[in-house]
Each structure stands twice: as C-alpha cells, then as structure tokens.
Amino acid sequence: MTLQKGANAPVPAARVRVELGWREGPGVPEVDASALLLTASGKVRSDDDFVFYNQPVHRSGAVRQEGRRQDQAGGVTETVGADLTALEQEITKVAVVASTEGTFGQVPGLFVRVLDADTGAEVARFDAEDATTETAFVLGELYRRNDAWKFRAVGQGYASGLAGLATDFGISVEEEAPEPDPVPVPAQQPTPVQAPVQAPVQAPPPPMAAPAPPMAAPAPPPMAAPAPPPAAPPISLSKITLTKATPAVSLTKQGATSGAMRVNLRWSARKQRGWLNKGKAAVRLEDVDLDLSCLWELQNGATGIVHPIENQFGSYDQPPYVRLDQDDRTGASEAGENLVVNLDHQSEIKRLLVFVVIYRGAESFAGLDGIATIYPPSGPPIEMHLDECTVPSQVAAVALIENTGGELVVRREAKYIVRAPGVMKQQSADLEYGWGMTWHAAGKN
C-alpha cells in the first residue's frame, strides 16, 4: 500500500523490516538510516533509545540495523529490523530517520517501506518526492494504538542534520570541537630573582591568661548528601567511511595508540525474504556461514592466522595480540563476529590483513552485503562496505592494518579474490598478499 504524507496503515506483522531506499549515482551523497524509540511524551528515555551506525542494536534487542544492500539497477537500501512484540511497554513509537552529509534534494528516489519480516510482503510504502535542502528526515513511524501497531508516513525534514533531529527527540549529542587557531608562543623571559626577605622581629608574648572553663563540644555538622552519579557521555555521531576516493586513515593520528580495538563483521542477503540464488537451487541466509579471519605478521617475523578453523581463535594478551570472539555460523548473532586487537602491543605488530571467507552456503559474495566496522579505542568508528562483488569469489579482503615507522594505518581493500584450482580459500589470501605460509586441509569442530 502506497501512502500519502500523513496517511497511515495497519501493521499486522509481529516482526517487520523497515527499508529506507534511494537510487545511487554521480554526486549522490551517502545516506544513513536510524531509529528513535519514543515514549508517549514524544521523547526518548535515554540515549540508549537511539539506534544508528555507532549503536546498531537496541539494548532490548527489539530494534537493530540490519545493513545495506545494492541491486544491479543502482538501487540502495538500508534496513532497520523491529520485533514489535519485544518492544517495552513504555515505547509507543519508533521513528524511522534518514540523514545525509549532503542534502536530500541530491538523493533521487528516496522512499521508506515496511515489510513483513517473515513473508517479505510489503505492508506500506511512502515516497518522499519533495525533498530540497533537508539534511535529515523523519520518513515514517511505527506507532502503538489500542494494543495494535500502525505505520504513518511522516516526511518531516530538518535542515540541522542528524544532530539537530536527534537533539529535538531528547538525545544528548556530542558537539564537535572546532580546530583551534594557532596561538603564537611568546619568547620566554628570564625569571627575576628576588632578594631574600628578612623575618620581622616579634615582641615577647604577653603573660598567659587563666584557662577558660570547659565548653561543650560543638554538634557535628550535618552529613552532606551523596554526590549524584556522573552523567553519561553524550552520543557521538562521528564516523569514517573508507571508500575508493578516501581509502586510508591513520589510527595513530586519531590517538588510538593503546587499548582494545574491535573489528566487527555483519552481513545480510541481497535477495528478498532471506534467500540467495545458488545456481538453480535456493539457499537460505541462515545456512550461509561467513568467517571473519586475520592473517598476522609481527615485527620479529612470526606469522599466522586467526580464524575458527581448528579453533585458532588467537590471543589478546599473548602473541599475536589478536583474538576472535566467536564463530557466528548463521549471521543471526546481534553482535556479529569480532576481532579484538591489543594496541598496547602495537609496536610488536607489523601488519594485519582482515578478510572474510564464505565457509559454506553461498558460491560468491555477489549475493551478500557485508559491513565491516573498526572501533578504535579513541576516535570515530571506521566503516567499510562489502557490496561490490561482481566475480565468483568466496574470499574478500576487507582491510590491511600496517605499522609503518611507528604509525598504524588502516587501508580499505574491498578486494574479491578468485582462487586458483587446488588452492584453499585462506591460502588464496596468503598468496594475494605474500604472507608465505604453509597450509594443510582442515575444518571446524
């Protein structure tokens, strides 16, 4: 059902996918989808009720970002999933938001639609056709009415960007500090030396008076009220997206020189209803097993791999200082798969290649869309999209992290490797990047 601005439609499904879509092309800016979980007051309860690229899953698990996909015709879609039965009773509305670094007058074909997550059937759709200078939009909202859910086409634009929109709904947004102007440092003047000061001569003390009678001890002062807990830090909307035009960023210049750095992988299907085409057969997304992996090399020449095969999950406190947290075999885990790098030992690390392997379930990345995000201990997240595969590849190099002269640099790879006959998948990444390791056949436990 296509809705006009302000119209609504019932939502009979318990679980929905809300898709925000547009057409890609020259000069079209990046668009991000977000969601705000609101109470009857029209505000969030706290910053935790904001689901966006830096906070992709609500603490209840009821609302989550499900990634981006692109079709062959140039259409791009970002999806927010919502389990309406799992939303807390306080939440009466979920606002679906679009934001961009440009303006929405530059974004053709902007729309939002609601799908039944179980059947893929379209419940409602709204096309935003009158966008001009807006930089953020509330495109639609899911709202609770008499214990039933509906969807309303809103189409309310903001010229203040995602930060202004989020602030209006009660989110505390971190202000970006402007670059300080250079301040000249005056030449250091010699410190004047002062002459020593002679202590004055004191008169002799007067005779001692008779002791005063004892006084009652004063009452103790009232106890001060305990200090309130410190306020939570505001939400940061900063992020870095590595692309062909801007493929690298320095972690060192961002101040990420110590602590834990997390590399996260999430993926989704490009086809409808969670299915992929595999030749003439149909393959469910739940059957696709992707492995987040890392080839590592230390400054002393030691090399190896971190991946789920033979439980080679690595180590955080010992070499190689890289640890894989889990093997998500279906993509169903809200947290995805995560590599954690110990930057306290970055001086011992020479290079890390982060790559992904299709272990089983699909013949190529051409049918899958992935998002790899690096969360440094300081500075904004670094995001890379895996949605450009056009070859029969089951191995995708995501990022190369190199220590060059003490500077740690992340470089986007987005390289899809077609392996030669007789070469194992992980081995093909080794051959492509010259690790020079010895390989043998193995599998998961």
Protein backbone atom coordinates (compact mmCIF):
# COMPACT_ATOMS: atom_id res chain seq x y z
CA MET A 1 0.00 0.00 0.00
CA THR A 2 1.46 3.36 -1.07
CA LEU A 3 0.74 6.14 1.43
CA GLN A 4 0.49 9.88 1.01
CA LYS A 5 2.17 12.15 3.53
CA GLY A 6 0.29 11.98 6.84
CA ALA A 7 -1.62 8.79 5.99
CA ASN A 8 -1.35 5.57 7.98
CA ALA A 9 -1.85 1.84 7.55
CA PRO A 10 -2.22 -1.10 9.96
CA VAL A 11 0.82 -3.32 10.54
CA PRO A 12 -0.42 -6.89 11.09
CA ALA A 13 3.07 -8.43 11.31
CA ALA A 14 4.80 -9.10 14.62
CA ARG A 15 8.27 -8.67 13.11
CA VAL A 16 8.98 -6.10 10.39
CA ARG A 17 11.81 -4.86 8.23
CA VAL A 18 11.72 -1.12 7.54
CA GLU A 19 13.66 -0.39 4.36
CA LEU A 20 14.97 3.06 3.51
CA GLY A 21 15.94 3.24 -0.17
CA TRP A 22 17.24 5.57 -2.88
CA ARG A 23 18.99 5.48 -6.25
CA GLU A 24 22.75 5.78 -6.37
CA GLY A 25 24.54 7.85 -8.99
CA PRO A 26 27.17 10.55 -9.60
CA GLY A 27 27.03 13.23 -6.94
CA VAL A 28 24.57 11.34 -4.74
CA PRO A 29 25.70 11.65 -1.10
CA GLU A 30 25.84 8.85 1.45
CA VAL A 31 22.56 8.19 3.31
CA ASP A 32 22.22 6.57 6.74
CA ALA A 33 19.15 5.02 8.38
CA SER A 34 18.45 5.39 12.10
CA ALA A 35 15.61 4.73 14.54
CA LEU A 36 14.42 6.51 17.70
CA LEU A 37 12.41 4.60 20.33
CA LEU A 38 9.97 7.11 21.83
CA THR A 39 7.59 7.20 24.78
CA ALA A 40 4.16 8.84 24.94
CA SER A 41 5.96 12.15 25.61
CA GLY A 42 7.45 12.02 22.13
CA LYS A 43 10.96 11.80 23.60
CA VAL A 44 13.50 9.05 24.24
CA ARG A 45 14.04 7.77 27.79
CA SER A 46 17.82 7.99 27.39
CA ASP A 47 20.48 7.96 24.70
CA ASP A 48 20.20 4.15 24.68
CA ASP A 49 16.93 4.55 22.72
CA PHE A 50 18.80 5.76 19.63
CA VAL A 51 19.69 3.04 17.09
CA PHE A 52 22.20 4.25 14.49
CA TYR A 53 25.55 3.40 12.91
CA ASN A 54 27.52 3.82 16.15
CA GLN A 55 24.89 1.98 18.24
CA PRO A 56 23.38 -0.54 15.80
CA VAL A 57 21.37 -2.69 18.26
CA HIS A 58 18.98 -1.50 20.96
CA ARG A 59 19.73 -2.88 24.42
CA SER A 60 16.40 -4.81 24.35
CA GLY A 61 17.33 -6.43 21.01
CA ALA A 62 13.93 -5.37 19.63
CA VAL A 63 15.31 -2.86 17.11
CA ARG A 64 18.53 -3.22 15.14
CA GLN A 65 20.27 -2.06 12.00
CA GLU A 66 20.45 -4.91 9.50
CA GLY A 67 22.86 -3.48 6.97
CA ARG A 68 22.90 -2.10 3.46
CA ARG A 69 22.43 -3.72 0.08
CA GLN A 70 22.68 -2.59 -3.52
CA ASP A 71 20.97 -4.08 -6.57
CA GLN A 72 22.15 -4.29 -10.16
CA ALA A 73 19.94 -1.35 -11.19
CA GLY A 74 21.69 1.09 -8.84
CA GLY A 75 19.15 0.97 -6.02
CA VAL A 76 20.49 1.14 -2.46
CA THR A 77 18.59 0.05 0.64
CA GLU A 78 19.35 0.31 4.36
CA THR A 79 17.23 -1.84 6.66
CA VAL A 80 16.10 -1.46 10.26
CA GLY A 81 14.56 -4.59 11.80
CA ALA A 82 11.95 -4.39 14.57
CA ASP A 83 10.33 -7.09 16.68
CA LEU A 84 7.17 -5.27 17.76
CA THR A 85 6.29 -7.92 20.34
CA ALA A 86 9.65 -7.41 22.09
CA LEU A 87 9.35 -3.63 22.45
CA GLU A 88 8.98 -2.48 26.05
CA GLN A 89 5.52 -1.25 27.01
CA GLU A 90 6.87 2.25 27.61
CA ILE A 91 7.78 2.53 23.93
CA THR A 92 4.80 3.75 21.95
CA LYS A 93 6.52 4.84 18.75
CA VAL A 94 9.58 4.02 16.61
CA ALA A 95 10.58 6.91 14.35
CA VAL A 96 12.47 5.93 11.18
CA VAL A 97 15.09 8.52 10.26
CA ALA A 98 17.25 9.23 7.20
CA SER A 99 20.31 11.50 7.31
CA THR A 100 22.97 12.56 4.82
CA GLU A 101 26.14 14.63 4.62
CA GLY A 102 24.72 16.42 1.58
CA THR A 103 21.09 17.41 1.06
CA PHE A 104 18.13 15.20 0.22
CA GLY A 105 17.49 17.25 -2.90
CA GLN A 106 20.58 15.40 -4.22
CA VAL A 107 19.13 11.97 -3.33
CA PRO A 108 16.81 10.61 -6.06
CA GLY A 109 14.06 8.07 -5.42
CA LEU A 110 14.02 8.39 -1.62
CA PHE A 111 11.43 6.08 -0.03
CA VAL A 112 10.61 4.08 3.07
CA ARG A 113 8.61 0.88 3.19
CA VAL A 114 7.56 -1.67 5.79
CA LEU A 115 7.84 -5.41 5.08
CA ASP A 116 6.63 -8.44 6.97
CA ALA A 117 9.96 -9.91 8.12
CA ASP A 118 8.66 -13.48 7.90
CA THR A 119 6.97 -13.40 4.48
CA GLY A 120 8.62 -10.44 2.75
CA ALA A 121 5.20 -8.98 1.88
CA GLU A 122 5.05 -5.20 1.65
CA VAL A 123 2.78 -3.66 4.30
CA ALA A 124 3.16 0.04 3.46
CA ARG A 125 5.32 2.41 1.40
CA PHE A 126 5.94 6.16 1.34
CA ASP A 127 7.87 8.01 -1.40
CA ALA A 128 9.43 11.32 -0.30
CA GLU A 129 9.24 13.30 -3.53
CA ASP A 130 9.52 16.92 -2.36
CA ALA A 131 12.96 16.94 -0.65
CA THR A 132 15.16 20.01 -1.27
CA THR A 133 17.69 21.34 1.26
CA GLU A 134 16.92 18.97 4.14
CA THR A 135 19.83 17.08 5.68
CA ALA A 136 17.72 14.77 7.87
CA PHE A 137 14.21 13.31 7.62
CA VAL A 138 11.72 11.53 9.81
CA LEU A 139 10.33 9.48 6.94
CA GLY A 140 7.83 7.41 8.90
CA GLU A 141 6.91 6.00 12.26
CA LEU A 142 5.64 2.75 13.69
CA TYR A 143 3.22 3.57 16.50
CA ARG A 144 1.13 1.64 19.01
CA ARG A 145 -2.63 2.32 19.11
CA ASN A 146 -5.05 0.26 21.22
CA ASP A 147 -2.59 -2.64 21.52
CA ALA A 148 -2.13 -2.74 17.72
CA TRP A 149 0.64 -1.30 15.57
CA LYS A 150 0.33 1.09 12.63
CA PHE A 151 2.70 2.88 10.26
CA ARG A 152 2.37 6.58 9.45
CA ALA A 153 4.05 8.38 6.53
CA VAL A 154 5.62 11.47 8.15
CA GLY A 155 8.06 13.13 5.73
CA GLN A 156 9.24 15.81 8.19
CA GLY A 157 12.53 17.35 7.09
CA TYR A 158 15.28 19.01 9.15
CA ALA A 159 17.95 21.41 7.99
CA SER A 160 20.04 20.80 11.14
CA GLY A 161 21.19 17.30 10.21
CA LEU A 162 21.05 14.16 12.31
CA ALA A 163 22.45 16.02 15.32
CA GLY A 164 19.64 18.59 15.32
CA LEU A 165 16.96 15.97 14.74
CA ALA A 166 18.26 13.69 17.49
CA THR A 167 18.51 16.61 19.92
CA ASP A 168 14.86 17.51 19.30
CA PHE A 169 13.89 14.00 20.46
CA GLY A 170 15.95 14.23 23.66
CA ILE A 171 19.31 12.73 22.60
CA SER A 172 22.46 14.28 24.08
CA VAL A 173 24.76 14.79 21.11
CA GLU A 174 28.46 15.43 21.48
CA GLU A 175 29.48 18.72 19.91
CA GLU A 176 32.43 18.53 17.57
CA ALA A 177 35.13 20.84 18.83
CA PRO A 178 36.42 23.26 16.16
CA GLU A 179 40.06 23.19 15.20
CA PRO A 180 41.90 25.62 17.48
CA ASP A 181 43.55 28.63 15.83
CA PRO A 182 47.35 28.68 16.14
CA VAL A 183 48.45 30.85 19.06
CA PRO A 184 51.93 32.37 18.98
CA VAL A 185 54.07 31.41 21.95
CA PRO A 186 55.91 34.43 23.39
CA ALA A 187 59.63 34.20 23.96
CA GLN A 188 60.44 33.06 27.46
CA GLN A 189 61.55 35.92 29.70
CA PRO A 190 64.12 35.39 32.46
CA THR A 191 62.54 34.99 35.85
CA PRO A 192 63.54 37.90 38.13
CA VAL A 193 65.48 36.94 41.21
CA GLN A 194 64.09 38.38 44.43
CA ALA A 195 66.19 39.38 47.37
CA PRO A 196 65.61 37.29 50.49
CA VAL A 197 63.03 38.74 52.85
CA GLN A 198 64.12 39.08 56.47
CA ALA A 199 61.59 37.88 59.04
CA PRO A 200 60.34 40.67 61.32
CA VAL A 201 61.42 40.72 64.96
CA GLN A 202 58.48 39.68 67.16
CA ALA A 203 57.67 41.20 70.56
CA PRO A 204 57.69 38.84 73.56
CA PRO A 205 54.36 37.09 74.16
CA PRO A 206 52.01 38.51 76.82
CA PRO A 207 51.52 36.59 80.07
CA MET A 208 49.21 33.60 79.87
CA ALA A 209 45.61 34.12 80.93
CA ALA A 210 43.78 31.76 83.28
CA PRO A 211 42.34 28.76 81.48
CA ALA A 212 38.71 29.18 80.37
CA PRO A 213 36.09 26.77 81.72
CA PRO A 214 35.48 23.71 79.57
CA MET A 215 32.88 24.18 76.82
CA ALA A 216 30.54 21.63 75.41
CA ALA A 217 31.76 20.05 72.23
CA PRO A 218 30.04 21.54 69.17
CA ALA A 219 27.48 19.37 67.41
CA PRO A 220 28.89 17.58 64.38
CA PRO A 221 27.93 19.20 61.07
CA PRO A 222 25.11 17.51 59.16
CA MET A 223 26.25 14.84 56.68
CA ALA A 224 26.36 16.04 53.09
CA ALA A 225 24.11 14.33 50.60
CA PRO A 226 25.94 11.83 48.39
CA ALA A 227 27.10 13.25 45.09
CA PRO A 228 24.89 12.30 42.12
CA PRO A 229 26.37 9.75 39.70
CA PRO A 230 28.23 11.30 36.78
CA ALA A 231 26.14 11.94 33.69
CA ALA A 232 26.57 9.57 30.76
CA PRO A 233 28.75 10.97 27.98
CA PRO A 234 26.83 12.39 25.02
CA ILE A 235 26.29 10.41 21.83
CA SER A 236 28.96 10.83 19.16
CA LEU A 237 27.67 10.97 15.58
CA SER A 238 31.15 10.97 14.06
CA LYS A 239 32.22 8.14 11.76
CA ILE A 240 34.65 7.48 8.95
CA THR A 241 33.64 5.57 5.83
CA LEU A 242 36.56 4.34 3.78
CA THR A 243 35.87 4.41 0.04
CA LYS A 244 37.81 4.27 -3.21
CA ALA A 245 38.25 8.04 -3.01
CA THR A 246 39.37 8.02 0.66
CA PRO A 247 40.81 4.54 1.22
CA ALA A 248 43.02 5.02 4.30
CA VAL A 249 43.09 6.57 7.76
CA SER A 250 45.79 6.83 10.42
CA LEU A 251 44.87 5.32 13.79
CA THR A 252 47.90 6.97 15.35
CA LYS A 253 46.81 10.46 14.30
CA GLN A 254 43.40 9.75 15.86
CA GLY A 255 45.12 8.97 19.14
CA ALA A 256 44.36 5.23 19.01
CA THR A 257 47.71 4.12 20.39
CA SER A 258 46.66 1.81 23.25
CA GLY A 259 43.74 -0.25 24.47
CA ALA A 260 41.39 -2.66 22.69
CA MET A 261 40.41 -2.10 19.05
CA ARG A 262 37.41 -4.12 17.82
CA VAL A 263 36.77 -5.17 14.22
CA ASN A 264 33.11 -6.16 13.70
CA LEU A 265 31.50 -8.02 10.79
CA ARG A 266 27.78 -8.11 9.99
CA TRP A 267 26.13 -9.26 6.79
CA SER A 268 22.74 -9.58 5.12
CA ALA A 269 21.22 -11.09 1.97
CA ARG A 270 20.71 -9.04 -1.16
CA LYS A 271 17.68 -11.09 -2.22
CA GLN A 272 14.20 -10.84 -0.73
CA ARG A 273 12.95 -12.97 2.15
CA GLY A 274 16.38 -14.06 3.29
CA TRP A 275 17.08 -16.23 0.24
CA LEU A 276 20.00 -16.31 -2.16
CA ASN A 277 20.28 -17.93 -5.56
CA LYS A 278 22.83 -20.71 -5.79
CA GLY A 279 22.71 -21.99 -9.34
CA LYS A 280 19.17 -23.26 -9.75
CA ALA A 281 18.69 -24.02 -6.08
CA ALA A 282 17.54 -21.70 -3.33
CA VAL A 283 19.76 -21.17 -0.29
CA ARG A 284 18.56 -19.61 2.95
CA LEU A 285 20.64 -16.86 4.51
CA GLU A 286 20.54 -18.81 7.79
CA ASP A 287 22.61 -21.51 6.05
CA VAL A 288 25.38 -19.12 4.95
CA ASP A 289 28.46 -19.30 7.18
CA LEU A 290 30.98 -16.47 6.82
CA ASP A 291 34.24 -16.49 8.76
CA LEU A 292 35.95 -13.29 9.87
CA SER A 293 39.68 -14.02 9.70
CA CYS A 294 43.03 -12.27 10.16
CA LEU A 295 46.48 -13.01 8.75
CA TRP A 296 49.06 -11.55 11.12
CA GLU A 297 52.76 -10.77 10.96
CA LEU A 298 54.84 -9.50 13.88
CA GLN A 299 57.96 -7.36 13.73
CA ASN A 300 60.08 -10.39 14.68
CA GLY A 301 58.97 -12.21 11.51
CA ALA A 302 56.45 -14.58 13.11
CA THR A 303 53.30 -15.13 11.02
CA GLY A 304 49.99 -16.93 11.45
CA ILE A 305 46.23 -16.77 11.11
CA VAL A 306 43.29 -16.16 13.45
CA HIS A 307 40.06 -17.89 12.36
CA PRO A 308 37.60 -20.54 13.59
CA ILE A 309 39.29 -23.42 11.72
CA GLU A 310 40.86 -25.82 14.24
CA ASN A 311 39.81 -23.29 16.93
CA GLN A 312 42.64 -20.90 16.06
CA PHE A 313 40.94 -18.01 17.87
CA GLY A 314 44.23 -16.26 18.71
CA SER A 315 45.14 -14.48 21.95
CA TYR A 316 44.69 -10.94 23.25
CA ASP A 317 47.41 -10.85 25.94
CA GLN A 318 49.95 -13.06 24.14
CA PRO A 319 51.22 -13.04 20.54
CA PRO A 320 49.64 -12.40 18.07
CA TYR A 321 47.64 -9.93 20.26
CA VAL A 322 44.56 -10.58 18.12
CA ARG A 323 41.54 -12.55 19.34
CA LEU A 324 38.37 -13.75 17.55
CA ASP A 325 35.41 -13.78 19.94
CA GLN A 326 33.09 -16.33 18.30
CA ASP A 327 32.11 -18.25 15.19
CA ASP A 328 28.69 -16.94 14.12
CA ARG A 329 27.66 -19.65 11.66
CA THR A 330 24.32 -18.14 10.56
CA GLY A 331 24.62 -14.35 10.81
CA ALA A 332 21.91 -14.45 13.49
CA SER A 333 24.10 -13.08 16.29
CA GLU A 334 23.27 -9.46 17.08
CA ALA A 335 26.92 -8.76 17.82
CA GLY A 336 28.21 -10.49 14.66
CA GLU A 337 31.79 -11.71 14.72
CA ASN A 338 34.51 -9.57 16.30
CA LEU A 339 38.28 -9.46 16.15
CA VAL A 340 39.87 -7.63 19.08
CA VAL A 341 43.37 -6.18 18.66
CA ASN A 342 45.52 -5.29 21.67
CA LEU A 343 47.05 -1.92 20.76
CA ASP A 344 49.15 -1.95 23.93
CA HIS A 345 51.44 -4.18 21.85
CA GLN A 346 51.14 -2.35 18.53
CA SER A 347 54.91 -1.82 18.41
CA GLU A 348 55.26 -5.62 18.04
CA ILE A 349 52.72 -5.80 15.18
CA LYS A 350 53.93 -5.36 11.60
CA ARG A 351 50.72 -5.92 9.62
CA LEU A 352 47.25 -7.46 9.90
CA LEU A 353 45.06 -8.47 6.97
CA VAL A 354 41.38 -8.65 7.90
CA PHE A 355 39.45 -10.81 5.44
CA VAL A 356 36.25 -12.82 5.17
CA VAL A 357 35.73 -16.34 3.84
CA ILE A 358 32.47 -17.99 2.78
CA TYR A 359 32.88 -21.27 4.62
CA ARG A 360 29.68 -22.75 3.22
CA GLY A 361 26.22 -21.84 1.93
CA ALA A 362 26.93 -19.47 -0.97
CA GLU A 363 29.11 -19.58 -4.06
CA SER A 364 30.08 -15.91 -4.11
CA PHE A 365 29.96 -12.59 -2.29
CA ALA A 366 27.96 -11.30 -5.25
CA GLY A 367 24.80 -12.30 -3.34
CA LEU A 368 25.84 -10.92 0.06
CA ASP A 369 26.23 -7.47 1.55
CA GLY A 370 28.58 -7.04 4.49
CA ILE A 371 29.59 -4.16 6.72
CA ALA A 372 32.94 -4.27 8.50
CA THR A 373 33.39 -1.64 11.22
CA ILE A 374 36.56 -0.89 13.14
CA TYR A 375 36.01 0.61 16.61
CA PRO A 376 39.29 2.20 17.76
CA PRO A 377 39.76 2.94 21.48
CA SER A 378 39.63 6.64 20.56
CA GLY A 379 38.28 8.48 17.56
CA PRO A 380 35.22 7.70 15.41
CA PRO A 381 34.37 4.24 14.05
CA ILE A 382 35.75 3.29 10.63
CA GLU A 383 33.25 1.62 8.31
CA MET A 384 33.75 -0.37 5.10
CA HIS A 385 31.01 -1.82 2.89
CA LEU A 386 31.33 -5.18 1.14
CA ASP A 387 28.74 -4.79 -1.61
CA GLU A 388 30.68 -4.51 -4.87
CA CYS A 389 31.47 -8.14 -5.75
CA THR A 390 30.93 -8.99 -9.43
CA VAL A 391 33.11 -12.12 -9.68
CA PRO A 392 32.72 -15.69 -8.36
CA SER A 393 34.72 -15.04 -5.19
CA GLN A 394 34.45 -16.69 -1.78
CA VAL A 395 37.30 -14.70 -0.25
CA ALA A 396 37.05 -10.94 0.41
CA ALA A 397 39.97 -8.89 1.72
CA VAL A 398 38.46 -6.16 3.92
CA ALA A 399 41.27 -4.07 5.39
CA LEU A 400 45.04 -4.02 5.76
CA ILE A 401 46.38 -2.57 9.02
CA GLU A 402 50.09 -1.74 8.78
CA ASN A 403 52.63 -0.37 11.23
CA THR A 404 54.87 1.89 9.17
CA GLY A 405 57.57 3.73 11.09
CA GLY A 406 55.50 3.58 14.26
CA GLU A 407 52.32 4.86 12.58
CA LEU A 408 49.37 2.46 12.45
CA VAL A 409 47.34 2.96 9.24
CA VAL A 410 44.10 1.24 8.17
CA ARG A 411 43.62 0.82 4.43
CA ARG A 412 40.38 -0.27 2.80
CA GLU A 413 40.91 -3.22 0.47
CA ALA A 414 37.43 -4.44 -0.69
CA LYS A 415 39.24 -6.95 -2.87
CA TYR A 416 37.41 -10.09 -4.02
CA ILE A 417 39.86 -12.92 -4.66
CA VAL A 418 39.15 -15.65 -7.21
CA ARG A 419 41.23 -18.62 -6.11
CA ALA A 420 43.12 -20.87 -8.48
CA PRO A 421 42.24 -24.60 -8.73
CA GLY A 422 43.67 -26.61 -5.85
CA VAL A 423 44.24 -23.55 -3.66
CA MET A 424 42.45 -23.36 -0.30
CA LYS A 425 40.38 -20.28 0.47
CA GLN A 426 42.56 -18.92 3.26
CA GLN A 427 45.65 -19.77 1.25
CA SER A 428 44.42 -17.58 -1.60
CA ALA A 429 44.52 -14.54 0.72
CA ASP A 430 48.08 -15.52 1.69
CA LEU A 431 49.14 -15.75 -1.96
CA GLU A 432 47.47 -12.44 -2.84
CA TYR A 433 49.30 -10.56 -0.07
CA GLY A 434 52.56 -12.54 0.11
CA TRP A 435 52.45 -13.99 3.62
CA GLY A 436 54.37 -17.12 2.56
CA MET A 437 52.78 -19.60 4.97
CA THR A 438 52.48 -23.40 4.71
CA TRP A 439 48.90 -24.74 4.51
CA HIS A 440 47.08 -28.01 5.12
CA ALA A 441 43.46 -29.07 4.81
CA ALA A 442 41.37 -28.69 7.98
CA GLY A 443 37.81 -27.98 9.12
CA LYS A 444 35.72 -26.80 12.04
CA ASN A 445 34.94 -28.90 15.08
